[in-house]
Amino acid sequence: MILAIVATDSTFRQRVFRGETLWEGRCIFSGRKLYVTLDGAPVNDVTIEHIVPRTHGGGDQLENLALASSRANAQKGARLDRRAFADPTLQKVIAGLQKKRRERWRDPRPQ
């Protein structure tokens, strides 16, 4: 799943980091650098973010997924995921993340 997200996120590019070719991209929340091996293993604290939380029916469609640092993802979950879906703050965060995901979207590269 991580590689599918990398393939559709324009912030990710192949880079040589510490002598190894990796995918380098940006956290959907903080913009912090994230690293993923070419076979999809997280190098640093990379997690999958569900933009519409699973607790509110968000699924695993690529448009609903982004990569985030574990700290940023946990903070968002702790602050927002338990709120009612209609909560204005939750809706504002979801809308902002959806916009950012659309802006970062790239069509997957052919395999």
PDB file of N, CA and C in Angstrom:
ATOM      1  N   MET A   1       0.823  -1.192   0.000  1.00  0.00           N
ATOM      2  CA  MET A   1       0.000   0.000   0.000  1.00  0.00           C
ATOM      3  C   MET A   1       0.872   1.263   0.000  1.00  0.00           C
ATOM      4  N   ILE A   2       1.984   1.226   0.728  1.00  0.00           N
ATOM      5  CA  ILE A   2       2.855   2.396   0.795  1.00  0.00           C
ATOM      6  C   ILE A   2       3.366   2.776  -0.590  1.00  0.00           C
ATOM      7  N   LEU A   3       3.780   1.794  -1.383  1.00  0.00           N
ATOM      8  CA  LEU A   3       4.292   2.111  -2.724  1.00  0.00           C
ATOM      9  C   LEU A   3       3.205   2.678  -3.630  1.00  0.00           C
ATOM     10  N   ALA A   4       1.987   2.241  -3.456  1.00  0.00           N
ATOM     11  CA  ALA A   4       0.886   2.800  -4.252  1.00  0.00           C
ATOM     12  C   ALA A   4       0.673   4.269  -3.899  1.00  0.00           C
ATOM     13  N   ILE A   5       0.816   4.606  -2.630  1.00  0.00           N
ATOM     14  CA  ILE A   5       0.689   6.009  -2.219  1.00  0.00           C
ATOM     15  C   ILE A   5       1.856   6.814  -2.772  1.00  0.00           C
ATOM     16  N   VAL A   6       3.069   6.279  -2.649  1.00  0.00           N
ATOM     17  CA  VAL A   6       4.259   6.946  -3.195  1.00  0.00           C
ATOM     18  C   VAL A   6       4.063   7.228  -4.686  1.00  0.00           C
ATOM     19  N   ALA A   7       3.530   6.259  -5.419  1.00  0.00           N
ATOM     20  CA  ALA A   7       3.359   6.397  -6.868  1.00  0.00           C
ATOM     21  C   ALA A   7       2.378   7.504  -7.235  1.00  0.00           C
ATOM     22  N   THR A   8       1.475   7.856  -6.321  1.00  0.00           N
ATOM     23  CA  THR A   8       0.463   8.869  -6.617  1.00  0.00           C
ATOM     24  C   THR A   8       0.708  10.183  -5.882  1.00  0.00           C
ATOM     25  N   ASP A   9       1.854  10.322  -5.248  1.00  0.00           N
ATOM     26  CA  ASP A   9       2.182  11.537  -4.487  1.00  0.00           C
ATOM     27  C   ASP A   9       3.397  12.203  -5.137  1.00  0.00           C
ATOM     28  N   SER A  10       3.179  13.354  -5.735  1.00  0.00           N
ATOM     29  CA  SER A  10       4.236  14.024  -6.499  1.00  0.00           C
ATOM     30  C   SER A  10       5.388  14.528  -5.648  1.00  0.00           C
ATOM     31  N   THR A  11       5.256  14.523  -4.330  1.00  0.00           N
ATOM     32  CA  THR A  11       6.386  14.950  -3.500  1.00  0.00           C
ATOM     33  C   THR A  11       7.461  13.876  -3.429  1.00  0.00           C
ATOM     34  N   PHE A  12       7.131  12.652  -3.808  1.00  0.00           N
ATOM     35  CA  PHE A  12       8.097  11.556  -3.705  1.00  0.00           C
ATOM     36  C   PHE A  12       8.929  11.444  -4.969  1.00  0.00           C
ATOM     37  N   ARG A  13      10.233  11.414  -4.760  1.00  0.00           N
ATOM     38  CA  ARG A  13      11.232  11.254  -5.814  1.00  0.00           C
ATOM     39  C   ARG A  13      12.288  10.291  -5.321  1.00  0.00           C
ATOM     40  N   GLN A  14      12.924   9.605  -6.232  1.00  0.00           N
ATOM     41  CA  GLN A  14      14.037   8.740  -5.827  1.00  0.00           C
ATOM     42  C   GLN A  14      15.249   9.599  -5.521  1.00  0.00           C
ATOM     43  N   ARG A  15      15.875   9.314  -4.386  1.00  0.00           N
ATOM     44  CA  ARG A  15      17.062  10.036  -3.938  1.00  0.00           C
ATOM     45  C   ARG A  15      18.042   9.041  -3.338  1.00  0.00           C
ATOM     46  N   VAL A  16      19.305   9.392  -3.387  1.00  0.00           N
ATOM     47  CA  VAL A  16      20.311   8.602  -2.682  1.00  0.00           C
ATOM     48  C   VAL A  16      20.455   9.218  -1.302  1.00  0.00           C
ATOM     49  N   PHE A  17      20.207   8.412  -0.290  1.00  0.00           N
ATOM     50  CA  PHE A  17      20.262   8.854   1.100  1.00  0.00           C
ATOM     51  C   PHE A  17      21.115   7.856   1.869  1.00  0.00           C
ATOM     52  N   ARG A  18      22.185   8.354   2.444  1.00  0.00           N
ATOM     53  CA  ARG A  18      23.110   7.497   3.192  1.00  0.00           C
ATOM     54  C   ARG A  18      23.562   6.293   2.362  1.00  0.00           C
ATOM     55  N   GLY A  19      23.820   6.559   1.080  1.00  0.00           N
ATOM     56  CA  GLY A  19      24.349   5.532   0.188  1.00  0.00           C
ATOM     57  C   GLY A  19      23.321   4.569  -0.380  1.00  0.00           C
ATOM     58  N   GLU A  20      22.051   4.779  -0.090  1.00  0.00           N
ATOM     59  CA  GLU A  20      20.996   3.881  -0.567  1.00  0.00           C
ATOM     60  C   GLU A  20      19.977   4.679  -1.370  1.00  0.00           C
ATOM     61  N   THR A  21      19.537   4.126  -2.508  1.00  0.00           N
ATOM     62  CA  THR A  21      18.482   4.776  -3.278  1.00  0.00           C
ATOM     63  C   THR A  21      17.143   4.507  -2.607  1.00  0.00           C
ATOM     64  N   LEU A  22      16.450   5.600  -2.278  1.00  0.00           N
ATOM     65  CA  LEU A  22      15.175   5.541  -1.561  1.00  0.00           C
ATOM     66  C   LEU A  22      14.178   6.487  -2.221  1.00  0.00           C
ATOM     67  N   TRP A  23      12.927   6.328  -1.823  1.00  0.00           N
ATOM     68  CA  TRP A  23      11.916   7.326  -2.135  1.00  0.00           C
ATOM     69  C   TRP A  23      11.958   8.370  -1.025  1.00  0.00           C
ATOM     70  N   GLU A  24      12.054   9.652  -1.408  1.00  0.00           N
ATOM     71  CA  GLU A  24      11.998  10.749  -0.452  1.00  0.00           C
ATOM     72  C   GLU A  24      10.784  11.589  -0.787  1.00  0.00           C
ATOM     73  N   GLY A  25       9.950  11.850   0.210  1.00  0.00           N
ATOM     74  CA  GLY A  25       8.769  12.671   0.012  1.00  0.00           C
ATOM     75  C   GLY A  25       8.484  13.480   1.251  1.00  0.00           C
ATOM     76  N   ARG A  26       7.286  14.004   1.328  1.00  0.00           N
ATOM     77  CA  ARG A  26       6.924  14.904   2.419  1.00  0.00           C
ATOM     78  C   ARG A  26       5.670  14.440   3.152  1.00  0.00           C
ATOM     79  N   CYS A  27       5.695  14.621   4.466  1.00  0.00           N
ATOM     80  CA  CYS A  27       4.537  14.337   5.318  1.00  0.00           C
ATOM     81  C   CYS A  27       3.377  15.234   4.882  1.00  0.00           C
ATOM     82  N   ILE A  28       2.191  14.664   4.772  1.00  0.00           N
ATOM     83  CA  ILE A  28       1.003  15.416   4.366  1.00  0.00           C
ATOM     84  C   ILE A  28       0.659  16.517   5.367  1.00  0.00           C
ATOM     85  N   PHE A  29       1.057  16.347   6.626  1.00  0.00           N
ATOM     86  CA  PHE A  29       0.767  17.340   7.661  1.00  0.00           C
ATOM     87  C   PHE A  29       1.856  18.391   7.784  1.00  0.00           C
ATOM     88  N   SER A  30       3.058  17.940   8.068  1.00  0.00           N
ATOM     89  CA  SER A  30       4.128  18.846   8.469  1.00  0.00           C
ATOM     90  C   SER A  30       5.101  19.203   7.356  1.00  0.00           C
ATOM     91  N   GLY A  31       5.103  18.444   6.278  1.00  0.00           N
ATOM     92  CA  GLY A  31       6.086  18.655   5.229  1.00  0.00           C
ATOM     93  C   GLY A  31       7.447  18.058   5.555  1.00  0.00           C
ATOM     94  N   ARG A  32       7.537  17.390   6.696  1.00  0.00           N
ATOM     95  CA  ARG A  32       8.793  16.751   7.105  1.00  0.00           C
ATOM     96  C   ARG A  32       9.177  15.676   6.096  1.00  0.00           C
ATOM     97  N   LYS A  33      10.484  15.503   5.870  1.00  0.00           N
ATOM     98  CA  LYS A  33      10.936  14.491   4.924  1.00  0.00           C
ATOM     99  C   LYS A  33      10.619  13.090   5.432  1.00  0.00           C
ATOM    100  N   LEU A  34      10.144  12.275   4.512  1.00  0.00           N
ATOM    101  CA  LEU A  34       9.855  10.868   4.783  1.00  0.00           C
ATOM    102  C   LEU A  34      10.662  10.029   3.802  1.00  0.00           C
ATOM    103  N   TYR A  35      11.098   8.875   4.253  1.00  0.00           N
ATOM    104  CA  TYR A  35      11.888   7.985   3.405  1.00  0.00           C
ATOM    105  C   TYR A  35      11.278   6.594   3.401  1.00  0.00           C
ATOM    106  N   VAL A  36      11.239   6.009   2.192  1.00  0.00           N
ATOM    107  CA  VAL A  36      10.687   4.680   1.974  1.00  0.00           C
ATOM    108  C   VAL A  36      11.658   3.945   1.051  1.00  0.00           C
ATOM    109  N   THR A  37      11.935   2.676   1.341  1.00  0.00           N
ATOM    110  CA  THR A  37      12.804   1.901   0.461  1.00  0.00           C
ATOM    111  C   THR A  37      12.093   1.657  -0.867  1.00  0.00           C
ATOM    112  N   LEU A  38      12.846   1.271  -1.873  1.00  0.00           N
ATOM    113  CA  LEU A  38      12.256   1.029  -3.190  1.00  0.00           C
ATOM    114  C   LEU A  38      11.250  -0.109  -3.172  1.00  0.00           C
ATOM    115  N   ASP A  39      11.338  -0.994  -2.173  1.00  0.00           N
ATOM    116  CA  ASP A  39      10.353  -2.076  -2.075  1.00  0.00           C
ATOM    117  C   ASP A  39       9.216  -1.744  -1.105  1.00  0.00           C
ATOM    118  N   GLY A  40       9.161  -0.495  -0.610  1.00  0.00           N
ATOM    119  CA  GLY A  40       8.009  -0.045   0.164  1.00  0.00           C
ATOM    120  C   GLY A  40       8.133  -0.089   1.668  1.00  0.00           C
ATOM    121  N   ALA A  41       9.299  -0.395   2.189  1.00  0.00           N
ATOM    122  CA  ALA A  41       9.462  -0.432   3.649  1.00  0.00           C
ATOM    123  C   ALA A  41       9.772   0.980   4.170  1.00  0.00           C
ATOM    124  N   PRO A  42       9.095   1.405   5.234  1.00  0.00           N
ATOM    125  CA  PRO A  42       9.398   2.711   5.813  1.00  0.00           C
ATOM    126  C   PRO A  42      10.811   2.740   6.386  1.00  0.00           C
ATOM    127  N   VAL A  43      11.520   3.832   6.157  1.00  0.00           N
ATOM    128  CA  VAL A  43      12.862   3.989   6.716  1.00  0.00           C
ATOM    129  C   VAL A  43      12.784   4.760   8.024  1.00  0.00           C
ATOM    130  N   ASN A  44      12.038   5.847   8.041  1.00  0.00           N
ATOM    131  CA  ASN A  44      11.820   6.574   9.279  1.00  0.00           C
ATOM    132  C   ASN A  44      10.372   6.361   9.690  1.00  0.00           C
ATOM    133  N   ASP A  45       9.837   7.193  10.504  1.00  0.00           N
ATOM    134  CA  ASP A  45       8.520   6.945  11.100  1.00  0.00           C
ATOM    135  C   ASP A  45       7.360   7.255  10.153  1.00  0.00           C
ATOM    136  N   VAL A  46       7.291   6.533   9.058  1.00  0.00           N
ATOM    137  CA  VAL A  46       6.256   6.713   8.037  1.00  0.00           C
ATOM    138  C   VAL A  46       5.020   5.890   8.406  1.00  0.00           C
ATOM    139  N   THR A  47       3.856   6.539   8.355  1.00  0.00           N
ATOM    140  CA  THR A  47       2.590   5.843   8.577  1.00  0.00           C
ATOM    141  C   THR A  47       1.616   6.215   7.466  1.00  0.00           C
ATOM    142  N   ILE A  48       0.597   5.408   7.321  1.00  0.00           N
ATOM    143  CA  ILE A  48      -0.465   5.687   6.352  1.00  0.00           C
ATOM    144  C   ILE A  48      -1.552   6.488   7.066  1.00  0.00           C
ATOM    145  N   GLU A  49      -1.867   7.633   6.503  1.00  0.00           N
ATOM    146  CA  GLU A  49      -2.909   8.512   7.023  1.00  0.00           C
ATOM    147  C   GLU A  49      -4.177   8.311   6.214  1.00  0.00           C
ATOM    148  N   HIS A  50      -5.276   8.058   6.913  1.00  0.00           N
ATOM    149  CA  HIS A  50      -6.597   8.027   6.281  1.00  0.00           C
ATOM    150  C   HIS A  50      -7.178   9.431   6.427  1.00  0.00           C
ATOM    151  N   ILE A  51      -7.316  10.143   5.339  1.00  0.00           N
ATOM    152  CA  ILE A  51      -7.768  11.532   5.370  1.00  0.00           C
ATOM    153  C   ILE A  51      -9.156  11.604   5.992  1.00  0.00           C
ATOM    154  N   VAL A  52     -10.097  10.835   5.467  1.00  0.00           N
ATOM    155  CA  VAL A  52     -11.364  10.636   6.169  1.00  0.00           C
ATOM    156  C   VAL A  52     -11.104   9.435   7.067  1.00  0.00           C
ATOM    157  N   PRO A  53     -11.123   9.637   8.376  1.00  0.00           N
ATOM    158  CA  PRO A  53     -10.754   8.550   9.289  1.00  0.00           C
ATOM    159  C   PRO A  53     -11.610   7.303   9.085  1.00  0.00           C
ATOM    160  N   ARG A  54     -10.988   6.160   9.306  1.00  0.00           N
ATOM    161  CA  ARG A  54     -11.727   4.899   9.207  1.00  0.00           C
ATOM    162  C   ARG A  54     -12.893   4.875  10.180  1.00  0.00           C
ATOM    163  N   THR A  55     -12.751   5.545  11.318  1.00  0.00           N
ATOM    164  CA  THR A  55     -13.842   5.583  12.298  1.00  0.00           C
ATOM    165  C   THR A  55     -15.069   6.310  11.752  1.00  0.00           C
ATOM    166  N   HIS A  56     -14.881   7.054  10.666  1.00  0.00           N
ATOM    167  CA  HIS A  56     -15.984   7.776  10.039  1.00  0.00           C
ATOM    168  C   HIS A  56     -16.259   7.264   8.631  1.00  0.00           C
ATOM    169  N   GLY A  57     -15.853   6.034   8.356  1.00  0.00           N
ATOM    170  CA  GLY A  57     -16.163   5.413   7.079  1.00  0.00           C
ATOM    171  C   GLY A  57     -15.128   5.610   5.994  1.00  0.00           C
ATOM    172  N   GLY A  58     -14.017   6.243   6.308  1.00  0.00           N
ATOM    173  CA  GLY A  58     -12.956   6.423   5.317  1.00  0.00           C
ATOM    174  C   GLY A  58     -12.360   5.085   4.938  1.00  0.00           C
ATOM    175  N   GLY A  59     -12.125   4.882   3.677  1.00  0.00           N
ATOM    176  CA  GLY A  59     -11.616   3.602   3.196  1.00  0.00           C
ATOM    177  C   GLY A  59     -10.184   3.683   2.724  1.00  0.00           C
ATOM    178  N   ASP A  60      -9.771   2.630   2.047  1.00  0.00           N
ATOM    179  CA  ASP A  60      -8.400   2.507   1.577  1.00  0.00           C
ATOM    180  C   ASP A  60      -8.226   2.917   0.116  1.00  0.00           C
ATOM    181  N   GLN A  61      -9.128   3.755  -0.419  1.00  0.00           N
ATOM    182  CA  GLN A  61      -8.956   4.266  -1.771  1.00  0.00           C
ATOM    183  C   GLN A  61      -7.748   5.207  -1.760  1.00  0.00           C
ATOM    184  N   LEU A  62      -6.947   5.164  -2.808  1.00  0.00           N
ATOM    185  CA  LEU A  62      -5.721   5.977  -2.841  1.00  0.00           C
ATOM    186  C   LEU A  62      -5.993   7.460  -2.621  1.00  0.00           C
ATOM    187  N   GLU A  63      -7.120   7.955  -3.068  1.00  0.00           N
ATOM    188  CA  GLU A  63      -7.447   9.367  -2.878  1.00  0.00           C
ATOM    189  C   GLU A  63      -7.636   9.703  -1.402  1.00  0.00           C
ATOM    190  N   ASN A  64      -7.918   8.717  -0.577  1.00  0.00           N
ATOM    191  CA  ASN A  64      -8.136   8.929   0.861  1.00  0.00           C
ATOM    192  C   ASN A  64      -6.887   8.632   1.681  1.00  0.00           C
ATOM    193  N   LEU A  65      -5.805   8.257   1.034  1.00  0.00           N
ATOM    194  CA  LEU A  65      -4.593   7.870   1.753  1.00  0.00           C
ATOM    195  C   LEU A  65      -3.447   8.816   1.445  1.00  0.00           C
ATOM    196  N   ALA A  66      -2.626   9.039   2.454  1.00  0.00           N
ATOM    197  CA  ALA A  66      -1.410   9.830   2.293  1.00  0.00           C
ATOM    198  C   ALA A  66      -0.387   9.277   3.271  1.00  0.00           C
ATOM    199  N   LEU A  67       0.863   9.647   3.076  1.00  0.00           N
ATOM    200  CA  LEU A  67       1.891   9.249   4.025  1.00  0.00           C
ATOM    201  C   LEU A  67       2.161  10.405   4.975  1.00  0.00           C
ATOM    202  N   ALA A  68       2.372  10.042   6.225  1.00  0.00           N
ATOM    203  CA  ALA A  68       2.587  11.039   7.274  1.00  0.00           C
ATOM    204  C   ALA A  68       3.594  10.505   8.275  1.00  0.00           C
ATOM    205  N   SER A  69       4.212  11.413   8.989  1.00  0.00           N
ATOM    206  CA  SER A  69       5.065  10.967  10.086  1.00  0.00           C
ATOM    207  C   SER A  69       4.148  10.388  11.169  1.00  0.00           C
ATOM    208  N   SER A  70       4.647   9.426  11.892  1.00  0.00           N
ATOM    209  CA  SER A  70       3.811   8.789  12.910  1.00  0.00           C
ATOM    210  C   SER A  70       3.377   9.788  13.973  1.00  0.00           C
ATOM    211  N   ARG A  71       4.241  10.729  14.307  1.00  0.00           N
ATOM    212  CA  ARG A  71       3.892  11.720  15.328  1.00  0.00           C
ATOM    213  C   ARG A  71       2.736  12.606  14.864  1.00  0.00           C
ATOM    214  N   ALA A  72       2.841  13.140  13.657  1.00  0.00           N
ATOM    215  CA  ALA A  72       1.784  14.005  13.143  1.00  0.00           C
ATOM    216  C   ALA A  72       0.472  13.241  12.992  1.00  0.00           C
ATOM    217  N   ASN A  73       0.547  12.012  12.518  1.00  0.00           N
ATOM    218  CA  ASN A  73      -0.646  11.194  12.330  1.00  0.00           C
ATOM    219  C   ASN A  73      -1.305  10.901  13.676  1.00  0.00           C
ATOM    220  N   ALA A  74      -0.510  10.561  14.670  1.00  0.00           N
ATOM    221  CA  ALA A  74      -1.058  10.263  16.002  1.00  0.00           C
ATOM    222  C   ALA A  74      -1.689  11.508  16.617  1.00  0.00           C
ATOM    223  N   GLN A  75      -1.077  12.656  16.429  1.00  0.00           N
ATOM    224  CA  GLN A  75      -1.641  13.894  16.973  1.00  0.00           C
ATOM    225  C   GLN A  75      -2.977  14.217  16.334  1.00  0.00           C
ATOM    226  N   LYS A  76      -3.078  14.038  15.022  1.00  0.00           N
ATOM    227  CA  LYS A  76      -4.345  14.287  14.338  1.00  0.00           C
ATOM    228  C   LYS A  76      -5.401  13.321  14.847  1.00  0.00           C
ATOM    229  N   GLY A  77      -5.032  12.055  14.961  1.00  0.00           N
ATOM    230  CA  GLY A  77      -5.991  11.058  15.435  1.00  0.00           C
ATOM    231  C   GLY A  77      -6.467  11.341  16.849  1.00  0.00           C
ATOM    232  N   ALA A  78      -5.562  11.699  17.720  1.00  0.00           N
ATOM    233  CA  ALA A  78      -5.923  11.964  19.114  1.00  0.00           C
ATOM    234  C   ALA A  78      -6.820  13.199  19.234  1.00  0.00           C
ATOM    235  N   ARG A  79      -6.565  14.195  18.415  1.00  0.00           N
ATOM    236  CA  ARG A  79      -7.335  15.435  18.495  1.00  0.00           C
ATOM    237  C   ARG A  79      -8.687  15.353  17.801  1.00  0.00           C
ATOM    238  N   LEU A  80      -8.768  14.573  16.714  1.00  0.00           N
ATOM    239  CA  LEU A  80      -9.928  14.717  15.845  1.00  0.00           C
ATOM    240  C   LEU A  80     -10.745  13.464  15.573  1.00  0.00           C
ATOM    241  N   ASP A  81     -10.136  12.302  15.528  1.00  0.00           N
ATOM    242  CA  ASP A  81     -10.834  11.119  15.023  1.00  0.00           C
ATOM    243  C   ASP A  81     -12.044  10.714  15.861  1.00  0.00           C
ATOM    244  N   ARG A  82     -12.080  11.082  17.108  1.00  0.00           N
ATOM    245  CA  ARG A  82     -13.218  10.702  17.959  1.00  0.00           C
ATOM    246  C   ARG A  82     -14.357  11.719  17.943  1.00  0.00           C
ATOM    247  N   ARG A  83     -14.134  12.816  17.293  1.00  0.00           N
ATOM    248  CA  ARG A  83     -15.197  13.823  17.190  1.00  0.00           C
ATOM    249  C   ARG A  83     -16.306  13.313  16.276  1.00  0.00           C
ATOM    250  N   ALA A  84     -17.473  13.900  16.421  1.00  0.00           N
ATOM    251  CA  ALA A  84     -18.576  13.581  15.515  1.00  0.00           C
ATOM    252  C   ALA A  84     -18.169  13.988  14.096  1.00  0.00           C
ATOM    253  N   PHE A  85     -18.612  13.232  13.116  1.00  0.00           N
ATOM    254  CA  PHE A  85     -18.222  13.502  11.738  1.00  0.00           C
ATOM    255  C   PHE A  85     -18.616  14.905  11.306  1.00  0.00           C
ATOM    256  N   ALA A  86     -19.723  15.418  11.822  1.00  0.00           N
ATOM    257  CA  ALA A  86     -20.193  16.749  11.437  1.00  0.00           C
ATOM    258  C   ALA A  86     -19.436  17.875  12.148  1.00  0.00           C
ATOM    259  N   ASP A  87     -18.536  17.547  13.048  1.00  0.00           N
ATOM    260  CA  ASP A  87     -17.787  18.559  13.791  1.00  0.00           C
ATOM    261  C   ASP A  87     -17.072  19.497  12.809  1.00  0.00           C
ATOM    262  N   PRO A  88     -17.255  20.813  12.954  1.00  0.00           N
ATOM    263  CA  PRO A  88     -16.656  21.757  11.999  1.00  0.00           C
ATOM    264  C   PRO A  88     -15.131  21.691  11.939  1.00  0.00           C
ATOM    265  N   THR A  89     -14.479  21.472  13.055  1.00  0.00           N
ATOM    266  CA  THR A  89     -13.023  21.391  13.048  1.00  0.00           C
ATOM    267  C   THR A  89     -12.563  20.167  12.279  1.00  0.00           C
ATOM    268  N   LEU A  90     -13.199  19.018  12.518  1.00  0.00           N
ATOM    269  CA  LEU A  90     -12.853  17.796  11.789  1.00  0.00           C
ATOM    270  C   LEU A  90     -13.089  17.999  10.295  1.00  0.00           C
ATOM    271  N   GLN A  91     -14.216  18.582   9.940  1.00  0.00           N
ATOM    272  CA  GLN A  91     -14.522  18.804   8.526  1.00  0.00           C
ATOM    273  C   GLN A  91     -13.520  19.746   7.867  1.00  0.00           C
ATOM    274  N   LYS A  92     -13.069  20.761   8.584  1.00  0.00           N
ATOM    275  CA  LYS A  92     -12.073  21.688   8.049  1.00  0.00           C
ATOM    276  C   LYS A  92     -10.740  20.977   7.799  1.00  0.00           C
ATOM    277  N   VAL A  93     -10.322  20.134   8.742  1.00  0.00           N
ATOM    278  CA  VAL A  93      -9.068  19.390   8.574  1.00  0.00           C
ATOM    279  C   VAL A  93      -9.175  18.423   7.402  1.00  0.00           C
ATOM    280  N   ILE A  94     -10.290  17.696   7.318  1.00  0.00           N
ATOM    281  CA  ILE A  94     -10.492  16.759   6.203  1.00  0.00           C
ATOM    282  C   ILE A  94     -10.447  17.506   4.875  1.00  0.00           C
ATOM    283  N   ALA A  95     -11.162  18.614   4.778  1.00  0.00           N
ATOM    284  CA  ALA A  95     -11.189  19.384   3.528  1.00  0.00           C
ATOM    285  C   ALA A  95      -9.787  19.874   3.157  1.00  0.00           C
ATOM    286  N   GLY A  96      -9.030  20.330   4.135  1.00  0.00           N
ATOM    287  CA  GLY A  96      -7.676  20.796   3.868  1.00  0.00           C
ATOM    288  C   GLY A  96      -6.760  19.682   3.392  1.00  0.00           C
ATOM    289  N   LEU A  97      -6.869  18.513   4.021  1.00  0.00           N
ATOM    290  CA  LEU A  97      -6.049  17.375   3.617  1.00  0.00           C
ATOM    291  C   LEU A  97      -6.453  16.858   2.239  1.00  0.00           C
ATOM    292  N   GLN A  98      -7.748  16.847   1.951  1.00  0.00           N
ATOM    293  CA  GLN A  98      -8.205  16.421   0.630  1.00  0.00           C
ATOM    294  C   GLN A  98      -7.676  17.362  -0.447  1.00  0.00           C
ATOM    295  N   LYS A  99      -7.686  18.654  -0.181  1.00  0.00           N
ATOM    296  CA  LYS A  99      -7.159  19.636  -1.120  1.00  0.00           C
ATOM    297  C   LYS A  99      -5.660  19.407  -1.338  1.00  0.00           C
ATOM    298  N   LYS A 100      -4.932  19.223  -0.252  1.00  0.00           N
ATOM    299  CA  LYS A 100      -3.493  19.003  -0.366  1.00  0.00           C
ATOM    300  C   LYS A 100      -3.205  17.724  -1.133  1.00  0.00           C
ATOM    301  N   ARG A 101      -3.979  16.666  -0.877  1.00  0.00           N
ATOM    302  CA  ARG A 101      -3.775  15.394  -1.582  1.00  0.00           C
ATOM    303  C   ARG A 101      -4.028  15.570  -3.077  1.00  0.00           C
ATOM    304  N   ARG A 102      -5.090  16.304  -3.434  1.00  0.00           N
ATOM    305  CA  ARG A 102      -5.368  16.556  -4.853  1.00  0.00           C
ATOM    306  C   ARG A 102      -4.231  17.352  -5.498  1.00  0.00           C
ATOM    307  N   GLU A 103      -3.696  18.325  -4.787  1.00  0.00           N
ATOM    308  CA  GLU A 103      -2.606  19.136  -5.325  1.00  0.00           C
ATOM    309  C   GLU A 103      -1.337  18.310  -5.528  1.00  0.00           C
ATOM    310  N   ARG A 104      -1.137  17.312  -4.690  1.00  0.00           N
ATOM    311  CA  ARG A 104       0.053  16.465  -4.763  1.00  0.00           C
ATOM    312  C   ARG A 104      -0.140  15.262  -5.686  1.00  0.00           C
ATOM    313  N   TRP A 105      -1.350  15.059  -6.157  1.00  0.00           N
ATOM    314  CA  TRP A 105      -1.684  13.862  -6.935  1.00  0.00           C
ATOM    315  C   TRP A 105      -0.891  13.801  -8.238  1.00  0.00           C
ATOM    316  N   ARG A 106      -0.419  12.612  -8.557  1.00  0.00           N
ATOM    317  CA  ARG A 106       0.120  12.320  -9.887  1.00  0.00           C
ATOM    318  C   ARG A 106      -0.417  10.959 -10.275  1.00  0.00           C
ATOM    319  N   ASP A 107      -0.618  10.793 -11.551  1.00  0.00           N
ATOM    320  CA  ASP A 107      -1.079   9.497 -12.034  1.00  0.00           C
ATOM    321  C   ASP A 107       0.030   8.484 -11.791  1.00  0.00           C
ATOM    322  N   PRO A 108      -0.333   7.269 -11.367  1.00  0.00           N
ATOM    323  CA  PRO A 108       0.669   6.257 -11.098  1.00  0.00           C
ATOM    324  C   PRO A 108       1.514   5.968 -12.341  1.00  0.00           C
ATOM    325  N   ARG A 109       2.771   5.733 -12.092  1.00  0.00           N
ATOM    326  CA  ARG A 109       3.682   5.399 -13.185  1.00  0.00           C
ATOM    327  C   ARG A 109       3.448   3.969 -13.645  1.00  0.00           C
ATOM    328  N   PRO A 110       3.576   3.730 -14.946  1.00  0.00           N
ATOM    329  CA  PRO A 110       3.417   2.356 -15.416  1.00  0.00           C
ATOM    330  C   PRO A 110       4.495   1.458 -14.804  1.00  0.00           C
ATOM    331  N   GLN A 111       4.102   0.246 -14.469  1.00  0.00           N
ATOM    332  CA  GLN A 111       5.033  -0.709 -13.852  1.00  0.00           C
ATOM    333  C   GLN A 111       5.902  -1.368 -14.879  1.00  0.00           C
TER     334      GLN A 111
END
